[in-house]
Amino acid sequence: MPDDLHRRYQDAHNAHRKHARTCTTCTDTSRCPTGQRLFEAFVRLQDAYLNRQRQ
């Protein structure tokens, strides 16, 4: 059975990458409000997944 947390983490990563490819405002060091929200969701889910893997 697929890991739901892993799937959500990967979905967040894909959403962030898709936005970054099309947004003319976002850069590697600065993000528009939508880009920032997507990046923060990705980071939060990635941290949760990796912390659970370490346990």
N, C-alpha and C. Protein backbone atom coordinates (compact mmCIF):
# COMPACT_ATOMS: atom_id res chain seq x y z
N MET A 1 0.84 -1.19 0.00
CA MET A 1 0.00 0.00 0.00
C MET A 1 0.89 1.25 0.00
N PRO A 2 0.64 2.18 -0.90
CA PRO A 2 1.45 3.39 -0.96
C PRO A 2 1.33 4.21 0.32
N ASP A 3 2.40 4.85 0.67
CA ASP A 3 2.47 5.69 1.85
C ASP A 3 1.80 7.04 1.53
N ASP A 4 0.73 7.37 2.26
CA ASP A 4 0.00 8.60 2.00
C ASP A 4 0.87 9.84 2.21
N LEU A 5 1.68 9.85 3.24
CA LEU A 5 2.55 11.00 3.50
C LEU A 5 3.55 11.19 2.36
N HIS A 6 4.11 10.10 1.88
CA HIS A 6 5.05 10.18 0.76
C HIS A 6 4.35 10.71 -0.48
N ARG A 7 3.16 10.22 -0.75
CA ARG A 7 2.40 10.68 -1.92
C ARG A 7 2.10 12.17 -1.81
N ARG A 8 1.68 12.64 -0.64
CA ARG A 8 1.38 14.06 -0.46
C ARG A 8 2.64 14.91 -0.61
N TYR A 9 3.75 14.41 -0.09
CA TYR A 9 5.03 15.11 -0.20
C TYR A 9 5.43 15.23 -1.67
N GLN A 10 5.31 14.16 -2.42
CA GLN A 10 5.65 14.18 -3.85
C GLN A 10 4.68 15.07 -4.63
N ASP A 11 3.40 15.02 -4.30
CA ASP A 11 2.42 15.89 -4.97
C ASP A 11 2.75 17.36 -4.71
N ALA A 12 3.14 17.69 -3.49
CA ALA A 12 3.51 19.07 -3.16
C ALA A 12 4.75 19.49 -3.94
N HIS A 13 5.71 18.58 -4.05
CA HIS A 13 6.92 18.87 -4.82
C HIS A 13 6.57 19.13 -6.29
N ASN A 14 5.74 18.30 -6.85
CA ASN A 14 5.34 18.47 -8.24
C ASN A 14 4.57 19.77 -8.46
N ALA A 15 3.69 20.13 -7.52
CA ALA A 15 2.94 21.38 -7.63
C ALA A 15 3.88 22.58 -7.58
N HIS A 16 4.85 22.52 -6.68
CA HIS A 16 5.81 23.62 -6.58
C HIS A 16 6.64 23.73 -7.86
N ARG A 17 7.13 22.62 -8.37
CA ARG A 17 7.94 22.64 -9.60
C ARG A 17 7.13 23.16 -10.79
N LYS A 18 5.88 22.71 -10.90
CA LYS A 18 5.03 23.15 -12.00
C LYS A 18 4.82 24.66 -11.93
N HIS A 19 4.54 25.16 -10.74
CA HIS A 19 4.35 26.60 -10.58
C HIS A 19 5.64 27.35 -10.93
N ALA A 20 6.76 26.88 -10.43
CA ALA A 20 8.05 27.56 -10.66
C ALA A 20 8.40 27.63 -12.15
N ARG A 21 8.00 26.62 -12.91
CA ARG A 21 8.29 26.61 -14.35
C ARG A 21 7.48 27.66 -15.11
N THR A 22 6.30 28.00 -14.60
CA THR A 22 5.42 28.90 -15.35
C THR A 22 5.33 30.31 -14.76
N CYS A 23 5.76 30.49 -13.53
CA CYS A 23 5.65 31.80 -12.87
C CYS A 23 6.80 32.70 -13.30
N THR A 24 6.47 33.89 -13.73
CA THR A 24 7.51 34.83 -14.16
C THR A 24 8.07 35.63 -12.98
N THR A 25 7.47 35.51 -11.82
CA THR A 25 7.91 36.25 -10.63
C THR A 25 8.87 35.44 -9.78
N CYS A 26 8.65 34.15 -9.68
CA CYS A 26 9.44 33.29 -8.80
C CYS A 26 10.87 33.10 -9.32
N THR A 27 11.81 33.10 -8.38
CA THR A 27 13.21 32.77 -8.66
C THR A 27 13.64 31.76 -7.60
N ASP A 28 14.91 31.37 -7.64
CA ASP A 28 15.42 30.44 -6.62
C ASP A 28 15.44 31.05 -5.22
N THR A 29 15.52 32.36 -5.15
CA THR A 29 15.65 33.02 -3.85
C THR A 29 14.44 33.88 -3.47
N SER A 30 13.51 34.08 -4.39
CA SER A 30 12.34 34.91 -4.13
C SER A 30 11.12 34.26 -4.78
N ARG A 31 10.01 34.28 -4.06
CA ARG A 31 8.80 33.64 -4.58
C ARG A 31 7.60 34.56 -4.45
N CYS A 32 6.68 34.42 -5.38
CA CYS A 32 5.40 35.12 -5.28
C CYS A 32 4.60 34.48 -4.15
N PRO A 33 3.50 35.08 -3.70
CA PRO A 33 2.74 34.48 -2.60
C PRO A 33 2.29 33.03 -2.85
N THR A 34 1.86 32.74 -4.06
CA THR A 34 1.45 31.37 -4.37
C THR A 34 2.65 30.44 -4.36
N GLY A 35 3.74 30.87 -4.95
CA GLY A 35 4.96 30.07 -4.96
C GLY A 35 5.47 29.82 -3.56
N GLN A 36 5.40 30.82 -2.70
CA GLN A 36 5.85 30.67 -1.32
C GLN A 36 4.98 29.66 -0.58
N ARG A 37 3.66 29.74 -0.78
CA ARG A 37 2.74 28.80 -0.14
C ARG A 37 3.04 27.36 -0.59
N LEU A 38 3.23 27.18 -1.89
CA LEU A 38 3.53 25.84 -2.42
C LEU A 38 4.87 25.32 -1.90
N PHE A 39 5.87 26.19 -1.85
CA PHE A 39 7.19 25.80 -1.36
C PHE A 39 7.12 25.41 0.12
N GLU A 40 6.42 26.19 0.92
CA GLU A 40 6.30 25.89 2.35
C GLU A 40 5.57 24.57 2.59
N ALA A 41 4.53 24.31 1.79
CA ALA A 41 3.82 23.03 1.92
C ALA A 41 4.74 21.87 1.58
N PHE A 42 5.52 22.02 0.53
CA PHE A 42 6.47 20.98 0.14
C PHE A 42 7.50 20.74 1.25
N VAL A 43 8.09 21.81 1.77
CA VAL A 43 9.11 21.68 2.81
C VAL A 43 8.53 21.03 4.06
N ARG A 44 7.35 21.46 4.47
CA ARG A 44 6.71 20.90 5.67
C ARG A 44 6.45 19.40 5.51
N LEU A 45 5.92 19.00 4.36
CA LEU A 45 5.64 17.58 4.14
C LEU A 45 6.92 16.77 3.98
N GLN A 46 7.92 17.35 3.32
CA GLN A 46 9.19 16.65 3.18
C GLN A 46 9.83 16.42 4.55
N ASP A 47 9.83 17.45 5.38
CA ASP A 47 10.40 17.30 6.73
C ASP A 47 9.66 16.23 7.53
N ALA A 48 8.33 16.23 7.44
CA ALA A 48 7.55 15.23 8.17
C ALA A 48 7.89 13.83 7.68
N TYR A 49 7.98 13.66 6.37
CA TYR A 49 8.29 12.35 5.82
C TYR A 49 9.70 11.89 6.22
N LEU A 50 10.67 12.76 6.07
CA LEU A 50 12.05 12.38 6.40
C LEU A 50 12.22 12.12 7.90
N ASN A 51 11.56 12.91 8.73
CA ASN A 51 11.64 12.66 10.18
C ASN A 51 11.02 11.31 10.53
N ARG A 52 9.93 10.96 9.87
CA ARG A 52 9.34 9.66 10.14
C ARG A 52 10.23 8.52 9.66
N GLN A 53 10.93 8.73 8.54
CA GLN A 53 11.84 7.71 8.04
C GLN A 53 13.01 7.47 9.00
N ARG A 54 13.44 8.50 9.67
CA ARG A 54 14.58 8.38 10.60
C ARG A 54 14.22 7.62 11.87
N GLN A 55 12.96 7.58 12.21
CA GLN A 55 12.54 6.92 13.46
C GLN A 55 12.53 5.41 13.34
